[in-house]
Amino acid sequence: MDRASAVERSLRAAAPHEIFDVIRSLIEHRHRARSVQLLMADYAMTMLQPVGVLPHTRQPVSVLESAPGRAFGAQEPHCVEDASTCSVTAHLPVSVRGDRLGVLSVTLPVGENGLATEVLEEIQECAGALAHELVVTERDTDLFLQARRAERLTLAAEMQWQLLPGRSCTRPEYSLGAQLEPAYAIFGDSFDWSSSADDLYVTVSNGMGEGIDAALLTNLAINALRNARRAGLDLGDQAYLADQAIFGQHQGRQYVSALLLRFHLPTGDVEIIDAGSPRMWRVRRGMVEALELEAQLPLGMFEDTSYVSQRFAVEPGDRLLFISDGVYDALSPAGEKYSLRALARSITSTRLLPASQVPRAMLQELLGHRGSGPAADDSLVMCLDWQGRPASTQDPVR
């Protein structure tokens, strides 16, 4: 405990752009490390990019075909021994509450007995402390954000990425993962989530238009929904006030399709509003089905629209997928649409992956259909795995 506290104090005392240098110095000093490298996951979640001053001089490594990528995907330490140099390289996930940020790679000298367990645990503590500081320091330095981009973002994409809460999140009751594609040139798709002791709010949205216009519209919608949610309003009033904000700005010329959900964590009861939304699928006991909802008007289309919630329940083991029209409408080079049958196959083929990895895998399959040419629209996939509240944390029966 004292050792971990000392690491955290050192990180908090450092300038924002120096926190990795502090961790590297601590590990080199304590464990005689030969090298310490921080790799950040890029926006497309396909590369791990070394942190450094632009332009990057070190090559990124693949998430799918590398030792650091194995640690990133499994979210577990992965050690690679090199007998010729009497060393081992430990690759450790750098994550915060399920949000996968990158990998810390540390090369250490080892004897005949290999890497000691206590040494690996110490380095894991350093990776965990670094992850928490990375989230905080992004407010004050661009160093780590720059390491996430394999190419330049469009301005619209920059605005959209800054709006997102993260790309994955884990709590005992649920696991969430989401991804946008193409990552570096987003149009109007977005997602948001927020949790409290007993509620999880999830929003999936698609603002009409392209480029800056779509990004500005989506920013208005998400911030209007956040403002209403933080005021303690119910889901119907959140939709109503966001609708009014968008209509007041655009008079119905632009609008946002959205799916708004509130999960009651103790019971699994779900309140939902389908405002011209992306579609929702459920996987329950191995069966894949599209959930049909009562479609209501998109946010901002008309003045004084009232929104009525529907309700359903999730069970432990359920998987929900939220998928934007950029997936359904994607065309192959021959002009063929991505079929619902192909989508169902993709959902089934990724059933064993954790929620954080499902969106990337499904979008990769979509890319195989669409080809490598420029996309006509952006695509969004969000995956939610529901475990339910553990019995030990439920309120006792009175």
Protein backbone atom coordinates (compact mmCIF):
# COMPACT_ATOMS: atom_id res chain seq x y z
CA MET A 1 0.00 0.00 0.00
CA ASP A 2 2.85 2.41 0.89
CA ARG A 3 4.65 1.59 -2.34
CA ALA A 4 1.55 2.26 -4.44
CA SER A 5 0.93 5.52 -2.59
CA ALA A 6 4.49 6.64 -3.29
CA VAL A 7 4.03 6.00 -7.03
CA GLU A 8 0.75 7.94 -7.04
CA ARG A 9 2.33 10.87 -5.18
CA SER A 10 5.18 11.00 -7.68
CA LEU A 11 2.75 11.05 -10.60
CA ARG A 12 0.60 13.78 -9.07
CA ALA A 13 3.65 15.94 -8.43
CA ALA A 14 4.80 15.66 -12.05
CA ALA A 15 3.95 18.04 -14.87
CA PRO A 16 1.21 16.55 -17.10
CA HIS A 17 3.56 15.85 -20.02
CA GLU A 18 6.10 14.19 -17.72
CA ILE A 19 4.01 11.47 -16.04
CA PHE A 20 5.31 8.71 -18.32
CA ASP A 21 8.89 9.90 -17.76
CA VAL A 22 8.28 9.62 -14.00
CA ILE A 23 6.95 6.06 -14.28
CA ARG A 24 9.83 5.08 -16.55
CA SER A 25 12.39 6.52 -14.13
CA LEU A 26 10.81 4.73 -11.15
CA ILE A 27 10.77 1.35 -12.91
CA GLU A 28 14.30 1.75 -14.25
CA HIS A 29 15.59 2.70 -10.80
CA ARG A 30 13.79 -0.01 -8.82
CA HIS A 31 14.07 -2.93 -11.19
CA ARG A 32 17.06 -2.09 -13.44
CA ALA A 33 14.74 -2.12 -16.45
CA ARG A 34 16.50 -2.03 -19.80
CA SER A 35 13.62 -0.28 -21.53
CA VAL A 36 10.17 1.07 -20.65
CA GLN A 37 7.71 2.00 -23.39
CA LEU A 38 4.14 3.30 -23.34
CA LEU A 39 1.97 2.38 -26.33
CA MET A 40 -1.39 4.13 -26.78
CA ALA A 41 -4.29 2.56 -28.70
CA ASP A 42 -5.12 4.59 -31.80
CA TYR A 43 -8.63 5.83 -32.55
CA ALA A 44 -9.35 2.93 -34.90
CA MET A 45 -8.24 0.43 -32.21
CA THR A 46 -6.00 -1.33 -34.72
CA MET A 47 -2.57 0.03 -33.72
CA LEU A 48 -0.59 0.66 -30.54
CA GLN A 49 1.43 3.83 -30.99
CA PRO A 50 4.55 4.78 -29.00
CA VAL A 51 4.32 7.97 -26.96
CA GLY A 52 6.80 10.59 -28.15
CA VAL A 53 7.26 14.00 -29.71
CA LEU A 54 5.75 14.50 -33.17
CA PRO A 55 6.55 13.40 -35.79
CA HIS A 56 6.65 9.84 -34.45
CA THR A 57 9.98 8.18 -35.17
CA ARG A 58 9.11 4.74 -33.76
CA GLN A 59 6.81 2.41 -35.62
CA PRO A 60 3.39 1.42 -34.21
CA VAL A 61 2.58 -2.24 -33.60
CA SER A 62 -0.55 -4.14 -34.53
CA VAL A 63 -3.24 -4.80 -31.94
CA LEU A 64 -3.93 -8.16 -33.59
CA GLU A 65 -0.44 -9.44 -34.42
CA SER A 66 1.95 -8.45 -31.65
CA ALA A 67 2.87 -9.32 -28.06
CA PRO A 68 1.68 -5.91 -26.75
CA GLY A 69 -1.54 -6.40 -28.71
CA ARG A 70 -2.10 -9.72 -26.96
CA ALA A 71 -1.92 -8.01 -23.56
CA PHE A 72 -4.21 -5.25 -24.83
CA GLY A 73 -6.82 -7.66 -26.17
CA ALA A 74 -6.85 -10.06 -23.23
CA GLN A 75 -6.43 -7.29 -20.65
CA GLU A 76 -3.90 -9.47 -18.85
CA PRO A 77 -0.09 -9.29 -18.53
CA HIS A 78 1.79 -11.07 -21.30
CA CYS A 79 5.48 -11.89 -20.78
CA VAL A 80 7.97 -12.75 -23.53
CA GLU A 81 11.36 -14.22 -22.57
CA ASP A 82 14.53 -13.74 -24.58
CA ALA A 83 17.11 -16.36 -23.55
CA SER A 84 19.82 -14.81 -25.74
CA THR A 85 19.81 -11.60 -23.68
CA CYS A 86 18.70 -13.11 -20.35
CA SER A 87 15.71 -10.75 -20.30
CA VAL A 88 11.94 -10.79 -20.26
CA THR A 89 9.56 -8.16 -21.63
CA ALA A 90 6.34 -7.75 -19.68
CA HIS A 91 3.45 -6.18 -21.58
CA LEU A 92 0.83 -4.79 -19.19
CA PRO A 93 -2.60 -3.34 -20.04
CA VAL A 94 -3.08 0.33 -19.16
CA SER A 95 -6.81 0.61 -18.42
CA VAL A 96 -9.25 2.55 -16.22
CA ARG A 97 -12.54 0.93 -15.17
CA GLY A 98 -12.56 -1.18 -18.30
CA ASP A 99 -11.57 1.63 -20.68
CA ARG A 100 -8.56 0.30 -22.59
CA LEU A 101 -5.99 3.06 -23.14
CA GLY A 102 -2.84 1.21 -24.10
CA VAL A 103 0.02 -1.01 -22.98
CA LEU A 104 3.10 -0.51 -20.80
CA SER A 105 6.02 -2.63 -22.05
CA VAL A 106 8.93 -3.21 -19.67
CA THR A 107 12.09 -5.18 -20.48
CA LEU A 108 13.88 -6.56 -17.41
CA PRO A 109 16.95 -8.71 -16.76
CA VAL A 110 16.10 -12.14 -15.33
CA GLY A 111 17.95 -15.06 -13.82
CA GLU A 112 17.27 -18.79 -14.04
CA ASN A 113 13.94 -18.52 -12.16
CA GLY A 114 12.44 -15.97 -14.53
CA LEU A 115 10.48 -12.86 -13.54
CA ALA A 116 9.54 -12.76 -9.86
CA THR A 117 5.82 -12.51 -9.13
CA GLU A 118 6.27 -9.54 -6.80
CA VAL A 119 8.16 -7.63 -9.49
CA LEU A 120 5.36 -8.21 -12.00
CA GLU A 121 2.81 -7.08 -9.41
CA GLU A 122 4.77 -3.88 -8.75
CA ILE A 123 4.89 -3.06 -12.45
CA GLN A 124 1.17 -3.76 -12.75
CA GLU A 125 0.56 -1.26 -9.94
CA CYS A 126 2.59 1.29 -11.89
CA ALA A 127 0.53 0.63 -15.04
CA GLY A 128 -2.70 1.07 -13.07
CA ALA A 129 -1.55 4.32 -11.47
CA LEU A 130 -0.38 5.61 -14.85
CA ALA A 131 -3.77 4.82 -16.42
CA HIS A 132 -5.64 6.96 -13.89
CA GLU A 133 -3.25 9.86 -14.40
CA LEU A 134 -3.54 9.65 -18.18
CA VAL A 135 -7.26 10.33 -17.97
CA VAL A 136 -6.64 13.41 -15.82
CA THR A 137 -3.66 14.82 -17.73
CA GLU A 138 -5.46 14.82 -21.08
CA ARG A 139 -7.09 18.05 -19.85
CA ASP A 140 -3.67 19.75 -19.72
CA THR A 141 -1.47 18.23 -22.41
CA ASP A 142 -1.88 16.93 -25.98
CA LEU A 143 1.07 14.51 -25.74
CA PHE A 144 -0.97 11.36 -25.14
CA LEU A 145 -3.81 12.34 -27.45
CA GLN A 146 -1.29 12.84 -30.25
CA ALA A 147 0.02 9.33 -29.66
CA ARG A 148 -3.47 7.94 -30.31
CA ARG A 149 -3.66 9.10 -33.93
CA ALA A 150 -2.14 7.11 -36.76
CA GLU A 151 -3.14 9.86 -39.18
CA ARG A 152 -4.59 13.32 -38.97
CA LEU A 153 -8.19 13.61 -37.78
CA THR A 154 -10.67 15.73 -39.69
CA LEU A 155 -11.93 18.67 -37.64
CA ALA A 156 -15.36 17.02 -37.40
CA ALA A 157 -13.79 13.81 -36.07
CA GLU A 158 -11.76 15.82 -33.54
CA MET A 159 -14.98 17.37 -32.24
CA GLN A 160 -16.75 14.01 -32.08
CA TRP A 161 -13.96 12.14 -30.26
CA GLN A 162 -13.69 14.88 -27.63
CA LEU A 163 -17.41 14.42 -26.96
CA LEU A 164 -17.24 10.70 -26.13
CA PRO A 165 -17.08 9.31 -22.58
CA GLY A 166 -14.57 6.58 -23.50
CA ARG A 167 -14.64 3.43 -25.61
CA SER A 168 -15.39 0.85 -22.94
CA CYS A 169 -16.52 0.69 -19.35
CA THR A 170 -16.96 -2.12 -16.82
CA ARG A 171 -18.93 -2.45 -13.60
CA PRO A 172 -20.13 -5.57 -11.76
CA GLU A 173 -23.57 -5.22 -13.37
CA TYR A 174 -22.49 -4.62 -16.98
CA SER A 175 -19.71 -4.24 -19.53
CA LEU A 176 -19.86 -1.68 -22.36
CA GLY A 177 -17.86 -1.22 -25.53
CA ALA A 178 -18.35 1.08 -28.52
CA GLN A 179 -16.50 2.07 -31.67
CA LEU A 180 -16.91 4.52 -34.55
CA GLU A 181 -15.67 3.90 -38.09
CA PRO A 182 -14.06 5.44 -40.08
CA ALA A 183 -12.33 6.68 -36.96
CA TYR A 184 -10.47 9.56 -38.57
CA ALA A 185 -13.33 11.09 -40.60
CA ILE A 186 -16.54 10.77 -38.55
CA PHE A 187 -19.81 12.30 -39.77
CA GLY A 188 -22.60 12.49 -37.15
CA ASP A 189 -22.69 9.22 -35.18
CA SER A 190 -22.02 9.39 -31.45
CA PHE A 191 -22.65 7.63 -28.14
CA ASP A 192 -22.72 8.56 -24.48
CA TRP A 193 -23.13 6.85 -21.12
CA SER A 194 -23.23 7.74 -17.46
CA SER A 195 -23.89 5.70 -14.32
CA SER A 196 -24.88 6.33 -10.72
CA ALA A 197 -25.39 3.98 -7.78
CA ASP A 198 -28.59 2.53 -9.26
CA ASP A 199 -28.90 3.76 -12.85
CA LEU A 200 -27.03 3.52 -16.14
CA TYR A 201 -27.96 5.99 -18.90
CA VAL A 202 -26.96 5.12 -22.48
CA THR A 203 -27.45 7.23 -25.60
CA VAL A 204 -26.74 6.28 -29.22
CA SER A 205 -27.28 9.07 -31.74
CA ASN A 206 -26.90 10.02 -35.38
CA GLY A 207 -26.99 13.67 -36.43
CA MET A 208 -27.96 14.35 -40.04
CA GLY A 209 -25.53 15.94 -42.46
CA GLU A 210 -21.79 15.71 -42.90
CA GLY A 211 -18.60 17.23 -41.59
CA ILE A 212 -18.70 20.24 -39.30
CA ASP A 213 -22.48 20.66 -39.60
CA ALA A 214 -23.07 17.10 -38.38
CA ALA A 215 -20.51 17.45 -35.60
CA LEU A 216 -22.02 20.71 -34.34
CA LEU A 217 -25.51 19.21 -34.42
CA THR A 218 -24.41 16.10 -32.50
CA ASN A 219 -22.56 18.24 -29.94
CA LEU A 220 -25.72 20.27 -29.35
CA ALA A 221 -27.83 17.12 -28.92
CA ILE A 222 -25.45 15.31 -26.55
CA ASN A 223 -24.87 18.37 -24.37
CA ALA A 224 -28.60 19.12 -24.22
CA LEU A 225 -29.26 15.55 -23.08
CA ARG A 226 -26.45 15.76 -20.51
CA ASN A 227 -27.78 19.06 -19.20
CA ALA A 228 -31.25 17.59 -18.70
CA ARG A 229 -29.89 14.35 -17.18
CA ARG A 230 -27.68 16.25 -14.72
CA ALA A 231 -30.70 18.30 -13.68
CA GLY A 232 -32.29 15.05 -12.51
CA LEU A 233 -35.04 14.94 -15.16
CA ASP A 234 -36.62 11.68 -16.26
CA LEU A 235 -35.93 10.14 -19.66
CA GLY A 236 -39.01 11.62 -21.36
CA ASP A 237 -38.13 15.13 -20.21
CA GLN A 238 -34.51 14.65 -21.28
CA ALA A 239 -35.69 13.84 -24.79
CA TYR A 240 -38.19 16.74 -24.75
CA LEU A 241 -35.62 19.37 -23.72
CA ALA A 242 -33.04 18.11 -26.22
CA ASP A 243 -35.73 18.20 -28.92
CA GLN A 244 -36.53 21.82 -27.99
CA ALA A 245 -32.88 22.85 -28.01
CA ILE A 246 -32.29 21.40 -31.47
CA PHE A 247 -35.54 22.76 -32.91
CA GLY A 248 -34.85 26.18 -31.40
CA GLN A 249 -31.50 26.28 -33.17
CA HIS A 250 -32.44 24.73 -36.53
CA GLN A 251 -36.27 25.08 -36.83
CA GLY A 252 -36.64 21.50 -38.06
CA ARG A 253 -34.11 21.84 -40.90
CA GLN A 254 -31.73 19.52 -39.05
CA TYR A 255 -32.50 16.81 -36.53
CA VAL A 256 -30.92 13.94 -34.62
CA SER A 257 -31.98 10.31 -34.52
CA ALA A 258 -31.37 8.90 -31.06
CA LEU A 259 -31.93 5.92 -28.81
CA LEU A 260 -32.16 6.80 -25.10
CA LEU A 261 -32.03 4.15 -22.37
CA ARG A 262 -32.05 4.02 -18.59
CA PHE A 263 -31.07 0.73 -16.94
CA HIS A 264 -32.10 0.19 -13.31
CA LEU A 265 -29.05 -1.65 -12.02
CA PRO A 266 -30.62 -3.50 -9.05
CA THR A 267 -33.45 -5.05 -11.11
CA GLY A 268 -32.52 -5.00 -14.82
CA ASP A 269 -35.62 -2.98 -15.71
CA VAL A 270 -35.00 -0.81 -18.77
CA GLU A 271 -36.74 2.39 -19.87
CA ILE A 272 -36.20 3.27 -23.53
CA ILE A 273 -37.15 5.97 -26.04
CA ASP A 274 -36.70 5.32 -29.75
CA ALA A 275 -36.43 8.75 -31.39
CA GLY A 276 -35.88 7.61 -34.97
CA SER A 277 -32.92 5.70 -33.68
CA PRO A 278 -30.22 3.25 -34.60
CA ARG A 279 -31.49 -0.31 -34.27
CA MET A 280 -31.11 -2.63 -31.29
CA TRP A 281 -30.41 -6.37 -31.25
CA ARG A 282 -30.42 -8.84 -28.37
CA VAL A 283 -28.56 -12.09 -27.87
CA ARG A 284 -30.28 -14.21 -25.23
CA ARG A 285 -29.34 -17.84 -24.55
CA GLY A 286 -27.64 -18.00 -27.95
CA MET A 287 -30.61 -16.63 -29.92
CA VAL A 288 -30.11 -13.44 -31.97
CA GLU A 289 -33.15 -11.21 -32.46
CA ALA A 290 -33.86 -7.64 -33.50
CA LEU A 291 -35.93 -5.79 -30.88
CA GLU A 292 -38.83 -3.91 -32.41
CA LEU A 293 -39.58 -0.58 -30.70
CA GLU A 294 -42.24 2.08 -31.08
CA ALA A 295 -40.55 4.62 -33.34
CA GLN A 296 -41.04 8.26 -32.35
CA LEU A 297 -39.92 11.46 -34.06
CA PRO A 298 -36.23 12.33 -34.20
CA LEU A 299 -35.04 15.05 -31.84
CA GLY A 300 -35.55 18.54 -33.28
CA MET A 301 -37.80 17.62 -36.21
CA PHE A 302 -40.92 19.42 -34.89
CA GLU A 303 -41.72 21.81 -32.08
CA ASP A 304 -43.20 20.59 -28.77
CA THR A 305 -42.82 16.88 -29.44
CA SER A 306 -43.67 14.70 -26.44
CA TYR A 307 -41.78 11.45 -25.92
CA VAL A 308 -43.16 8.35 -24.19
CA SER A 309 -40.93 5.65 -22.73
CA GLN A 310 -41.28 1.94 -23.38
CA ARG A 311 -40.07 -0.70 -20.94
CA PHE A 312 -38.47 -4.12 -21.09
CA ALA A 313 -36.15 -6.15 -18.88
CA VAL A 314 -32.67 -7.58 -19.31
CA GLU A 315 -31.56 -10.87 -17.81
CA PRO A 316 -28.07 -11.91 -16.64
CA GLY A 317 -26.22 -13.18 -19.70
CA ASP A 318 -28.05 -10.90 -22.16
CA ARG A 319 -26.07 -9.03 -24.79
CA LEU A 320 -27.52 -5.88 -26.40
CA LEU A 321 -26.10 -4.37 -29.59
CA PHE A 322 -26.87 -0.89 -30.88
CA ILE A 323 -26.06 -0.42 -34.55
CA SER A 324 -26.28 2.72 -36.71
CA ASP A 325 -27.61 2.99 -40.25
CA GLY A 326 -24.07 3.33 -41.58
CA VAL A 327 -23.79 -0.42 -41.01
CA TYR A 328 -27.13 -1.38 -42.57
CA ASP A 329 -26.70 0.92 -45.57
CA ALA A 330 -23.05 0.07 -46.30
CA LEU A 331 -22.58 -0.92 -49.94
CA SER A 332 -20.11 -3.35 -51.43
CA PRO A 333 -18.02 -2.27 -54.46
CA ALA A 334 -20.74 -3.99 -56.54
CA GLY A 335 -23.48 -1.91 -54.90
CA GLU A 336 -24.92 -4.63 -52.64
CA LYS A 337 -26.21 -3.62 -49.19
CA TYR A 338 -24.89 -5.25 -46.05
CA SER A 339 -27.75 -7.64 -45.34
CA LEU A 340 -29.48 -8.35 -42.03
CA ARG A 341 -28.43 -11.97 -42.46
CA ALA A 342 -24.78 -10.91 -42.69
CA LEU A 343 -25.23 -8.74 -39.62
CA ALA A 344 -26.77 -11.62 -37.66
CA ARG A 345 -23.83 -13.84 -38.68
CA SER A 346 -21.43 -11.16 -37.44
CA ILE A 347 -23.25 -10.92 -34.11
CA THR A 348 -23.09 -14.70 -33.73
CA SER A 349 -19.43 -14.97 -34.70
CA THR A 350 -18.41 -12.45 -32.01
CA ARG A 351 -20.52 -13.97 -29.23
CA LEU A 352 -17.47 -15.23 -27.28
CA LEU A 353 -15.62 -11.90 -27.34
CA PRO A 354 -15.89 -9.48 -24.40
CA ALA A 355 -18.07 -6.42 -24.98
CA SER A 356 -15.04 -4.15 -25.37
CA GLN A 357 -13.81 -6.11 -28.40
CA VAL A 358 -17.10 -6.80 -30.17
CA PRO A 359 -17.59 -3.41 -31.91
CA ARG A 360 -14.11 -3.43 -33.46
CA ALA A 361 -14.54 -7.03 -34.66
CA MET A 362 -17.95 -6.36 -36.19
CA LEU A 363 -16.78 -3.21 -37.95
CA GLN A 364 -13.81 -5.13 -39.32
CA GLU A 365 -16.22 -7.64 -40.89
CA LEU A 366 -18.21 -4.73 -42.32
CA LEU A 367 -15.02 -3.35 -43.85
CA GLY A 368 -14.53 -6.70 -45.59
CA HIS A 369 -17.94 -6.21 -47.23
CA ARG A 370 -17.53 -2.52 -48.02
CA GLY A 371 -13.97 -2.69 -49.31
CA SER A 372 -11.13 -0.25 -48.75
CA GLY A 373 -12.65 2.72 -50.54
CA PRO A 374 -14.00 5.81 -48.73
CA ALA A 375 -17.16 5.24 -46.71
CA ALA A 376 -20.37 7.02 -47.68
CA ASP A 377 -21.38 7.29 -44.01
CA ASP A 378 -19.89 6.56 -40.62
CA SER A 379 -20.81 3.41 -38.70
CA LEU A 380 -21.29 2.87 -34.99
CA VAL A 381 -21.55 -0.35 -33.00
CA MET A 382 -22.10 -0.44 -29.23
CA CYS A 383 -22.21 -3.67 -27.22
CA LEU A 384 -23.60 -4.04 -23.68
CA ASP A 385 -23.22 -7.28 -21.72
CA TRP A 386 -25.56 -7.50 -18.76
CA GLN A 387 -24.45 -9.49 -15.71
CA GLY A 388 -26.93 -8.06 -13.20
CA ARG A 389 -26.18 -6.88 -9.70
CA PRO A 390 -24.37 -9.49 -7.60
CA ALA A 391 -26.54 -10.87 -4.80
CA SER A 392 -24.03 -9.77 -2.15
CA THR A 393 -24.58 -6.09 -3.06
CA GLN A 394 -28.38 -6.16 -3.20
CA ASP A 395 -30.31 -4.47 -0.41
CA PRO A 396 -31.07 -6.99 2.33
CA VAL A 397 -34.64 -8.22 2.60
CA ARG A 398 -36.42 -6.51 5.49
